Amino acid sequence: MDLKQLEAEFADRVQQACDQARELGLAPVRLEQMLRAQHAATLAKKLMLSGDIHSSMKDLVRAGHRELTLEAVMLQPQAAAWRLSMAAPPKD
């Protein structure tokens, strides 16, 4: 599976988490704003490197739904291939 496909699958999982949050009456507004500005994979890397905790994550955790955060999606076993591809050295 190539990197673009892994990133697309990761973006789909993040969108599913946002959709589930909305179904529960939670609106991850800040996360959705950030996702409109950049791809989910790019955003995830940026947030992990910065260490910032965005308001959508705080709201979801306070509501008892940490499994719907971008960070939780990154920890899902299905995202392992994408995470590992980020750590792999560039091919020459």
PDB file of N, CA and C in Angstrom:
ATOM      1  N   MET A   1       0.854  -1.171   0.000  1.00  0.00           N
ATOM      2  CA  MET A   1       0.000   0.000   0.000  1.00  0.00           C
ATOM      3  C   MET A   1       0.905   1.241   0.000  1.00  0.00           C
ATOM      4  N   ASP A   2       0.622   2.193  -0.867  1.00  0.00           N
ATOM      5  CA  ASP A   2       1.486   3.363  -0.934  1.00  0.00           C
ATOM      6  C   ASP A   2       1.055   4.437   0.071  1.00  0.00           C
ATOM      7  N   LEU A   3       1.933   5.414   0.257  1.00  0.00           N
ATOM      8  CA  LEU A   3       1.726   6.457   1.265  1.00  0.00           C
ATOM      9  C   LEU A   3       0.450   7.243   1.024  1.00  0.00           C
ATOM     10  N   LYS A   4       0.156   7.575  -0.212  1.00  0.00           N
ATOM     11  CA  LYS A   4      -1.060   8.353  -0.532  1.00  0.00           C
ATOM     12  C   LYS A   4      -2.317   7.591  -0.125  1.00  0.00           C
ATOM     13  N   GLN A   5      -2.316   6.290  -0.360  1.00  0.00           N
ATOM     14  CA  GLN A   5      -3.475   5.483   0.016  1.00  0.00           C
ATOM     15  C   GLN A   5      -3.606   5.403   1.540  1.00  0.00           C
ATOM     16  N   LEU A   6      -2.476   5.240   2.232  1.00  0.00           N
ATOM     17  CA  LEU A   6      -2.501   5.211   3.696  1.00  0.00           C
ATOM     18  C   LEU A   6      -3.012   6.530   4.258  1.00  0.00           C
ATOM     19  N   GLU A   7      -2.562   7.643   3.678  1.00  0.00           N
ATOM     20  CA  GLU A   7      -3.014   8.951   4.135  1.00  0.00           C
ATOM     21  C   GLU A   7      -4.508   9.132   3.883  1.00  0.00           C
ATOM     22  N   ALA A   8      -4.989   8.653   2.744  1.00  0.00           N
ATOM     23  CA  ALA A   8      -6.419   8.763   2.428  1.00  0.00           C
ATOM     24  C   ALA A   8      -7.252   7.951   3.415  1.00  0.00           C
ATOM     25  N   GLU A   9      -6.791   6.752   3.748  1.00  0.00           N
ATOM     26  CA  GLU A   9      -7.517   5.923   4.719  1.00  0.00           C
ATOM     27  C   GLU A   9      -7.506   6.573   6.102  1.00  0.00           C
ATOM     28  N   PHE A  10      -6.384   7.176   6.470  1.00  0.00           N
ATOM     29  CA  PHE A  10      -6.308   7.874   7.747  1.00  0.00           C
ATOM     30  C   PHE A  10      -7.292   9.047   7.760  1.00  0.00           C
ATOM     31  N   ALA A  11      -7.328   9.822   6.688  1.00  0.00           N
ATOM     32  CA  ALA A  11      -8.257  10.956   6.590  1.00  0.00           C
ATOM     33  C   ALA A  11      -9.705  10.473   6.702  1.00  0.00           C
ATOM     34  N   ASP A  12     -10.015   9.336   6.093  1.00  0.00           N
ATOM     35  CA  ASP A  12     -11.374   8.765   6.192  1.00  0.00           C
ATOM     36  C   ASP A  12     -11.711   8.430   7.639  1.00  0.00           C
ATOM     37  N   ARG A  13     -10.748   7.844   8.372  1.00  0.00           N
ATOM     38  CA  ARG A  13     -11.001   7.485   9.772  1.00  0.00           C
ATOM     39  C   ARG A  13     -11.212   8.729  10.630  1.00  0.00           C
ATOM     40  N   VAL A  14     -10.446   9.766  10.347  1.00  0.00           N
ATOM     41  CA  VAL A  14     -10.603  11.021  11.094  1.00  0.00           C
ATOM     42  C   VAL A  14     -11.983  11.613  10.808  1.00  0.00           C
ATOM     43  N   GLN A  15     -12.399  11.592   9.540  1.00  0.00           N
ATOM     44  CA  GLN A  15     -13.719  12.116   9.192  1.00  0.00           C
ATOM     45  C   GLN A  15     -14.827  11.298   9.851  1.00  0.00           C
ATOM     46  N   GLN A  16     -14.654   9.983   9.907  1.00  0.00           N
ATOM     47  CA  GLN A  16     -15.649   9.138  10.588  1.00  0.00           C
ATOM     48  C   GLN A  16     -15.760   9.510  12.059  1.00  0.00           C
ATOM     49  N   ALA A  17     -14.636   9.797  12.699  1.00  0.00           N
ATOM     50  CA  ALA A  17     -14.651  10.201  14.112  1.00  0.00           C
ATOM     51  C   ALA A  17     -15.385  11.531  14.269  1.00  0.00           C
ATOM     52  N   CYS A  18     -15.151  12.468  13.358  1.00  0.00           N
ATOM     53  CA  CYS A  18     -15.869  13.757  13.407  1.00  0.00           C
ATOM     54  C   CYS A  18     -17.367  13.543  13.220  1.00  0.00           C
ATOM     55  N   ASP A  19     -17.729  12.675  12.285  1.00  0.00           N
ATOM     56  CA  ASP A  19     -19.148  12.381  12.044  1.00  0.00           C
ATOM     57  C   ASP A  19     -19.796  11.749  13.278  1.00  0.00           C
ATOM     58  N   GLN A  20     -19.092  10.822  13.920  1.00  0.00           N
ATOM     59  CA  GLN A  20     -19.620  10.190  15.137  1.00  0.00           C
ATOM     60  C   GLN A  20     -19.792  11.218  16.244  1.00  0.00           C
ATOM     61  N   ALA A  21     -18.846  12.136  16.362  1.00  0.00           N
ATOM     62  CA  ALA A  21     -18.944  13.183  17.384  1.00  0.00           C
ATOM     63  C   ALA A  21     -20.188  14.028  17.135  1.00  0.00           C
ATOM     64  N   ARG A  22     -20.423  14.402  15.893  1.00  0.00           N
ATOM     65  CA  ARG A  22     -21.609  15.197  15.566  1.00  0.00           C
ATOM     66  C   ARG A  22     -22.896  14.424  15.880  1.00  0.00           C
ATOM     67  N   GLU A  23     -22.908  13.118  15.596  1.00  0.00           N
ATOM     68  CA  GLU A  23     -24.079  12.294  15.899  1.00  0.00           C
ATOM     69  C   GLU A  23     -24.376  12.278  17.404  1.00  0.00           C
ATOM     70  N   LEU A  24     -23.344  12.432  18.216  1.00  0.00           N
ATOM     71  CA  LEU A  24     -23.499  12.447  19.666  1.00  0.00           C
ATOM     72  C   LEU A  24     -23.813  13.840  20.203  1.00  0.00           C
ATOM     73  N   GLY A  25     -23.955  14.805  19.289  1.00  0.00           N
ATOM     74  CA  GLY A  25     -24.249  16.171  19.701  1.00  0.00           C
ATOM     75  C   GLY A  25     -23.014  16.983  20.053  1.00  0.00           C
ATOM     76  N   LEU A  26     -21.849  16.456  19.700  1.00  0.00           N
ATOM     77  CA  LEU A  26     -20.594  17.165  19.945  1.00  0.00           C
ATOM     78  C   LEU A  26     -20.105  17.717  18.608  1.00  0.00           C
ATOM     79  N   ALA A  27     -19.671  18.936  18.604  1.00  0.00           N
ATOM     80  CA  ALA A  27     -19.221  19.544  17.355  1.00  0.00           C
ATOM     81  C   ALA A  27     -17.729  19.842  17.438  1.00  0.00           C
ATOM     82  N   PRO A  28     -16.898  19.009  16.799  1.00  0.00           N
ATOM     83  CA  PRO A  28     -15.454  19.262  16.815  1.00  0.00           C
ATOM     84  C   PRO A  28     -15.093  20.386  15.839  1.00  0.00           C
ATOM     85  N   VAL A  29     -15.625  21.573  16.109  1.00  0.00           N
ATOM     86  CA  VAL A  29     -15.534  22.702  15.188  1.00  0.00           C
ATOM     87  C   VAL A  29     -14.083  23.055  14.856  1.00  0.00           C
ATOM     88  N   ARG A  30     -13.257  23.190  15.871  1.00  0.00           N
ATOM     89  CA  ARG A  30     -11.862  23.591  15.624  1.00  0.00           C
ATOM     90  C   ARG A  30     -11.128  22.536  14.791  1.00  0.00           C
ATOM     91  N   LEU A  31     -11.328  21.274  15.111  1.00  0.00           N
ATOM     92  CA  LEU A  31     -10.687  20.210  14.344  1.00  0.00           C
ATOM     93  C   LEU A  31     -11.141  20.254  12.890  1.00  0.00           C
ATOM     94  N   GLU A  32     -12.428  20.425  12.669  1.00  0.00           N
ATOM     95  CA  GLU A  32     -12.944  20.474  11.301  1.00  0.00           C
ATOM     96  C   GLU A  32     -12.404  21.692  10.547  1.00  0.00           C
ATOM     97  N   GLN A  33     -12.237  22.807  11.243  1.00  0.00           N
ATOM     98  CA  GLN A  33     -11.635  23.988  10.605  1.00  0.00           C
ATOM     99  C   GLN A  33     -10.202  23.679  10.176  1.00  0.00           C
ATOM    100  N   MET A  34      -9.448  23.049  11.057  1.00  0.00           N
ATOM    101  CA  MET A  34      -8.064  22.712  10.736  1.00  0.00           C
ATOM    102  C   MET A  34      -7.998  21.714   9.591  1.00  0.00           C
ATOM    103  N   LEU A  35      -8.933  20.769   9.556  1.00  0.00           N
ATOM    104  CA  LEU A  35      -8.954  19.766   8.484  1.00  0.00           C
ATOM    105  C   LEU A  35      -9.305  20.379   7.137  1.00  0.00           C
ATOM    106  N   ARG A  36     -10.110  21.436   7.135  1.00  0.00           N
ATOM    107  CA  ARG A  36     -10.417  22.114   5.871  1.00  0.00           C
ATOM    108  C   ARG A  36      -9.187  22.849   5.338  1.00  0.00           C
ATOM    109  N   ALA A  37      -8.293  23.250   6.239  1.00  0.00           N
ATOM    110  CA  ALA A  37      -7.105  24.008   5.842  1.00  0.00           C
ATOM    111  C   ALA A  37      -5.958  23.113   5.394  1.00  0.00           C
ATOM    112  N   GLN A  38      -5.938  21.863   5.880  1.00  0.00           N
ATOM    113  CA  GLN A  38      -4.841  20.957   5.516  1.00  0.00           C
ATOM    114  C   GLN A  38      -5.280  19.504   5.651  1.00  0.00           C
ATOM    115  N   HIS A  39      -4.564  18.635   4.976  1.00  0.00           N
ATOM    116  CA  HIS A  39      -4.874  17.206   4.982  1.00  0.00           C
ATOM    117  C   HIS A  39      -4.728  16.654   6.400  1.00  0.00           C
ATOM    118  N   ALA A  40      -5.517  15.652   6.722  1.00  0.00           N
ATOM    119  CA  ALA A  40      -5.504  15.047   8.056  1.00  0.00           C
ATOM    120  C   ALA A  40      -4.115  14.566   8.465  1.00  0.00           C
ATOM    121  N   ALA A  41      -3.395  13.958   7.531  1.00  0.00           N
ATOM    122  CA  ALA A  41      -2.051  13.449   7.855  1.00  0.00           C
ATOM    123  C   ALA A  41      -1.099  14.594   8.176  1.00  0.00           C
ATOM    124  N   THR A  42      -1.166  15.660   7.406  1.00  0.00           N
ATOM    125  CA  THR A  42      -0.326  16.832   7.653  1.00  0.00           C
ATOM    126  C   THR A  42      -0.671  17.458   8.994  1.00  0.00           C
ATOM    127  N   LEU A  43      -1.956  17.582   9.262  1.00  0.00           N
ATOM    128  CA  LEU A  43      -2.405  18.152  10.530  1.00  0.00           C
ATOM    129  C   LEU A  43      -1.953  17.291  11.703  1.00  0.00           C
ATOM    130  N   ALA A  44      -2.093  15.988  11.584  1.00  0.00           N
ATOM    131  CA  ALA A  44      -1.689  15.087  12.674  1.00  0.00           C
ATOM    132  C   ALA A  44      -0.203  15.251  12.981  1.00  0.00           C
ATOM    133  N   LYS A  45       0.617  15.283  11.938  1.00  0.00           N
ATOM    134  CA  LYS A  45       2.056  15.464  12.148  1.00  0.00           C
ATOM    135  C   LYS A  45       2.337  16.796  12.831  1.00  0.00           C
ATOM    136  N   LYS A  46       1.681  17.841  12.367  1.00  0.00           N
ATOM    137  CA  LYS A  46       1.888  19.181  12.927  1.00  0.00           C
ATOM    138  C   LYS A  46       1.499  19.219  14.411  1.00  0.00           C
ATOM    139  N   LEU A  47       0.346  18.654  14.742  1.00  0.00           N
ATOM    140  CA  LEU A  47      -0.112  18.668  16.131  1.00  0.00           C
ATOM    141  C   LEU A  47       0.792  17.830  17.034  1.00  0.00           C
ATOM    142  N   MET A  48       1.233  16.695  16.537  1.00  0.00           N
ATOM    143  CA  MET A  48       2.102  15.844  17.356  1.00  0.00           C
ATOM    144  C   MET A  48       3.448  16.521  17.616  1.00  0.00           C
ATOM    145  N   LEU A  49       3.977  17.170  16.611  1.00  0.00           N
ATOM    146  CA  LEU A  49       5.267  17.838  16.774  1.00  0.00           C
ATOM    147  C   LEU A  49       5.168  19.076  17.662  1.00  0.00           C
ATOM    148  N   SER A  50       4.032  19.770  17.598  1.00  0.00           N
ATOM    149  CA  SER A  50       3.871  20.997  18.385  1.00  0.00           C
ATOM    150  C   SER A  50       3.556  20.708  19.844  1.00  0.00           C
ATOM    151  N   GLY A  51       2.872  19.598  20.093  1.00  0.00           N
ATOM    152  CA  GLY A  51       2.456  19.290  21.453  1.00  0.00           C
ATOM    153  C   GLY A  51       1.226  20.074  21.891  1.00  0.00           C
ATOM    154  N   ASP A  52       0.670  20.887  20.995  1.00  0.00           N
ATOM    155  CA  ASP A  52      -0.516  21.677  21.323  1.00  0.00           C
ATOM    156  C   ASP A  52      -1.734  20.771  21.511  1.00  0.00           C
ATOM    157  N   ILE A  53      -2.590  21.165  22.419  1.00  0.00           N
ATOM    158  CA  ILE A  53      -3.851  20.450  22.631  1.00  0.00           C
ATOM    159  C   ILE A  53      -4.951  21.372  22.140  1.00  0.00           C
ATOM    160  N   HIS A  54      -5.594  20.996  21.044  1.00  0.00           N
ATOM    161  CA  HIS A  54      -6.618  21.843  20.442  1.00  0.00           C
ATOM    162  C   HIS A  54      -7.932  21.730  21.200  1.00  0.00           C
ATOM    163  N   SER A  55      -8.779  22.727  21.038  1.00  0.00           N
ATOM    164  CA  SER A  55     -10.034  22.798  21.792  1.00  0.00           C
ATOM    165  C   SER A  55     -10.966  21.628  21.495  1.00  0.00           C
ATOM    166  N   SER A  56     -10.963  21.110  20.262  1.00  0.00           N
ATOM    167  CA  SER A  56     -11.831  19.973  19.947  1.00  0.00           C
ATOM    168  C   SER A  56     -11.426  18.747  20.753  1.00  0.00           C
ATOM    169  N   MET A  57     -10.131  18.535  20.911  1.00  0.00           N
ATOM    170  CA  MET A  57      -9.677  17.401  21.713  1.00  0.00           C
ATOM    171  C   MET A  57     -10.133  17.571  23.161  1.00  0.00           C
ATOM    172  N   LYS A  58      -9.954  18.751  23.712  1.00  0.00           N
ATOM    173  CA  LYS A  58     -10.372  19.001  25.094  1.00  0.00           C
ATOM    174  C   LYS A  58     -11.869  18.758  25.260  1.00  0.00           C
ATOM    175  N   ASP A  59     -12.662  19.253  24.309  1.00  0.00           N
ATOM    176  CA  ASP A  59     -14.120  19.094  24.391  1.00  0.00           C
ATOM    177  C   ASP A  59     -14.532  17.626  24.315  1.00  0.00           C
ATOM    178  N   LEU A  60     -13.924  16.877  23.422  1.00  0.00           N
ATOM    179  CA  LEU A  60     -14.267  15.461  23.285  1.00  0.00           C
ATOM    180  C   LEU A  60     -13.864  14.667  24.530  1.00  0.00           C
ATOM    181  N   VAL A  61     -12.709  14.966  25.078  1.00  0.00           N
ATOM    182  CA  VAL A  61     -12.256  14.263  26.288  1.00  0.00           C
ATOM    183  C   VAL A  61     -13.167  14.606  27.461  1.00  0.00           C
ATOM    184  N   ARG A  62     -13.509  15.879  27.610  1.00  0.00           N
ATOM    185  CA  ARG A  62     -14.416  16.289  28.699  1.00  0.00           C
ATOM    186  C   ARG A  62     -15.777  15.593  28.592  1.00  0.00           C
ATOM    187  N   ALA A  63     -16.207  15.349  27.359  1.00  0.00           N
ATOM    188  CA  ALA A  63     -17.509  14.704  27.145  1.00  0.00           C
ATOM    189  C   ALA A  63     -17.424  13.183  27.273  1.00  0.00           C
ATOM    190  N   GLY A  64     -16.215  12.675  27.549  1.00  0.00           N
ATOM    191  CA  GLY A  64     -16.056  11.234  27.732  1.00  0.00           C
ATOM    192  C   GLY A  64     -15.870  10.465  26.438  1.00  0.00           C
ATOM    193  N   HIS A  65     -15.439  11.144  25.383  1.00  0.00           N
ATOM    194  CA  HIS A  65     -15.278  10.485  24.080  1.00  0.00           C
ATOM    195  C   HIS A  65     -13.891  10.705  23.508  1.00  0.00           C
ATOM    196  N   ARG A  66     -12.888  10.353  24.280  1.00  0.00           N
ATOM    197  CA  ARG A  66     -11.512  10.508  23.802  1.00  0.00           C
ATOM    198  C   ARG A  66     -11.225   9.631  22.597  1.00  0.00           C
ATOM    199  N   GLU A  67     -12.012   8.575  22.395  1.00  0.00           N
ATOM    200  CA  GLU A  67     -11.801   7.685  21.248  1.00  0.00           C
ATOM    201  C   GLU A  67     -12.092   8.380  19.915  1.00  0.00           C
ATOM    202  N   LEU A  68     -12.731   9.558  19.973  1.00  0.00           N
ATOM    203  CA  LEU A  68     -13.068  10.285  18.755  1.00  0.00           C
ATOM    204  C   LEU A  68     -12.072  11.396  18.424  1.00  0.00           C
ATOM    205  N   THR A  69     -11.022  11.523  19.199  1.00  0.00           N
ATOM    206  CA  THR A  69     -10.029  12.559  18.927  1.00  0.00           C
ATOM    207  C   THR A  69      -9.101  12.129  17.792  1.00  0.00           C
ATOM    208  N   LEU A  70      -8.521  13.096  17.132  1.00  0.00           N
ATOM    209  CA  LEU A  70      -7.536  12.822  16.089  1.00  0.00           C
ATOM    210  C   LEU A  70      -6.401  11.979  16.653  1.00  0.00           C
ATOM    211  N   GLU A  71      -6.017  12.296  17.861  1.00  0.00           N
ATOM    212  CA  GLU A  71      -4.921  11.578  18.506  1.00  0.00           C
ATOM    213  C   GLU A  71      -5.271  10.109  18.732  1.00  0.00           C
ATOM    214  N   ALA A  72      -6.520   9.831  19.105  1.00  0.00           N
ATOM    215  CA  ALA A  72      -6.960   8.447  19.307  1.00  0.00           C
ATOM    216  C   ALA A  72      -6.998   7.694  17.980  1.00  0.00           C
ATOM    217  N   VAL A  73      -7.417   8.369  16.928  1.00  0.00           N
ATOM    218  CA  VAL A  73      -7.437   7.730  15.610  1.00  0.00           C
ATOM    219  C   VAL A  73      -6.018   7.326  15.216  1.00  0.00           C
ATOM    220  N   MET A  74      -5.043   8.168  15.552  1.00  0.00           N
ATOM    221  CA  MET A  74      -3.650   7.837  15.229  1.00  0.00           C
ATOM    222  C   MET A  74      -3.180   6.584  15.949  1.00  0.00           C
ATOM    223  N   LEU A  75      -3.764   6.283  17.096  1.00  0.00           N
ATOM    224  CA  LEU A  75      -3.340   5.126  17.878  1.00  0.00           C
ATOM    225  C   LEU A  75      -4.035   3.834  17.472  1.00  0.00           C
ATOM    226  N   GLN A  76      -5.027   3.922  16.613  1.00  0.00           N
ATOM    227  CA  GLN A  76      -5.733   2.725  16.172  1.00  0.00           C
ATOM    228  C   GLN A  76      -4.771   1.825  15.398  1.00  0.00           C
ATOM    229  N   PRO A  77      -4.913   0.515  15.568  1.00  0.00           N
ATOM    230  CA  PRO A  77      -4.012  -0.405  14.850  1.00  0.00           C
ATOM    231  C   PRO A  77      -4.010  -0.186  13.339  1.00  0.00           C
ATOM    232  N   GLN A  78      -5.144   0.218  12.781  1.00  0.00           N
ATOM    233  CA  GLN A  78      -5.214   0.423  11.333  1.00  0.00           C
ATOM    234  C   GLN A  78      -4.302   1.566  10.879  1.00  0.00           C
ATOM    235  N   ALA A  79      -3.969   2.476  11.779  1.00  0.00           N
ATOM    236  CA  ALA A  79      -3.111   3.607  11.423  1.00  0.00           C
ATOM    237  C   ALA A  79      -1.634   3.270  11.569  1.00  0.00           C
ATOM    238  N   ALA A  80      -1.317   2.075  12.027  1.00  0.00           N
ATOM    239  CA  ALA A  80       0.079   1.706  12.272  1.00  0.00           C
ATOM    240  C   ALA A  80       0.930   1.812  11.012  1.00  0.00           C
ATOM    241  N   ALA A  81       0.423   1.380   9.896  1.00  0.00           N
ATOM    242  CA  ALA A  81       1.205   1.436   8.653  1.00  0.00           C
ATOM    243  C   ALA A  81       1.526   2.876   8.289  1.00  0.00           C
ATOM    244  N   TRP A  82       0.562   3.772   8.462  1.00  0.00           N
ATOM    245  CA  TRP A  82       0.798   5.181   8.164  1.00  0.00           C
ATOM    246  C   TRP A  82       1.846   5.756   9.117  1.00  0.00           C
ATOM    247  N   ARG A  83       1.712   5.463  10.415  1.00  0.00           N
ATOM    248  CA  ARG A  83       2.678   5.978  11.397  1.00  0.00           C
ATOM    249  C   ARG A  83       4.074   5.454  11.086  1.00  0.00           C
ATOM    250  N   LEU A  84       4.176   4.179  10.782  1.00  0.00           N
ATOM    251  CA  LEU A  84       5.484   3.607  10.461  1.00  0.00           C
ATOM    252  C   LEU A  84       6.076   4.206   9.183  1.00  0.00           C
ATOM    253  N   SER A  85       5.238   4.529   8.227  1.00  0.00           N
ATOM    254  CA  SER A  85       5.745   5.129   6.995  1.00  0.00           C
ATOM    255  C   SER A  85       6.320   6.511   7.259  1.00  0.00           C
ATOM    256  N   MET A  86       5.821   7.180   8.279  1.00  0.00           N
ATOM    257  CA  MET A  86       6.338   8.502   8.639  1.00  0.00           C
ATOM    258  C   MET A  86       7.727   8.377   9.276  1.00  0.00           C
ATOM    259  N   ALA A  87       8.008   7.256   9.898  1.00  0.00           N
ATOM    260  CA  ALA A  87       9.281   7.056  10.582  1.00  0.00           C
ATOM    261  C   ALA A  87      10.335   6.437   9.668  1.00  0.00           C
ATOM    262  N   ALA A  88       9.894   5.930   8.542  1.00  0.00           N
ATOM    263  CA  ALA A  88      10.834   5.253   7.633  1.00  0.00           C
ATOM    264  C   ALA A  88      11.783   6.253   7.003  1.00  0.00           C
ATOM    265  N   PRO A  89      13.054   5.876   6.838  1.00  0.00           N
ATOM    266  CA  PRO A  89      13.985   6.771   6.167  1.00  0.00           C
ATOM    267  C   PRO A  89      13.609   6.934   4.697  1.00  0.00           C
ATOM    268  N   PRO A  90      13.906   8.084   4.119  1.00  0.00           N
ATOM    269  CA  PRO A  90      13.568   8.278   2.699  1.00  0.00           C
ATOM    270  C   PRO A  90      14.322   7.301   1.814  1.00  0.00           C
ATOM    271  N   LYS A  91      13.664   6.850   0.753  1.00  0.00           N
ATOM    272  CA  LYS A  91      14.303   5.927  -0.195  1.00  0.00           C
ATOM    273  C   LYS A  91      15.149   6.723  -1.174  1.00  0.00           C
ATOM    274  N   ASP A  92      16.321   6.213  -1.447  1.00  0.00           N
ATOM    275  CA  ASP A  92      17.216   6.895  -2.408  1.00  0.00           C
ATOM    276  C   ASP A  92      16.941   6.461  -3.824  1.00  0.00           C
TER     277      ASP A  92
END
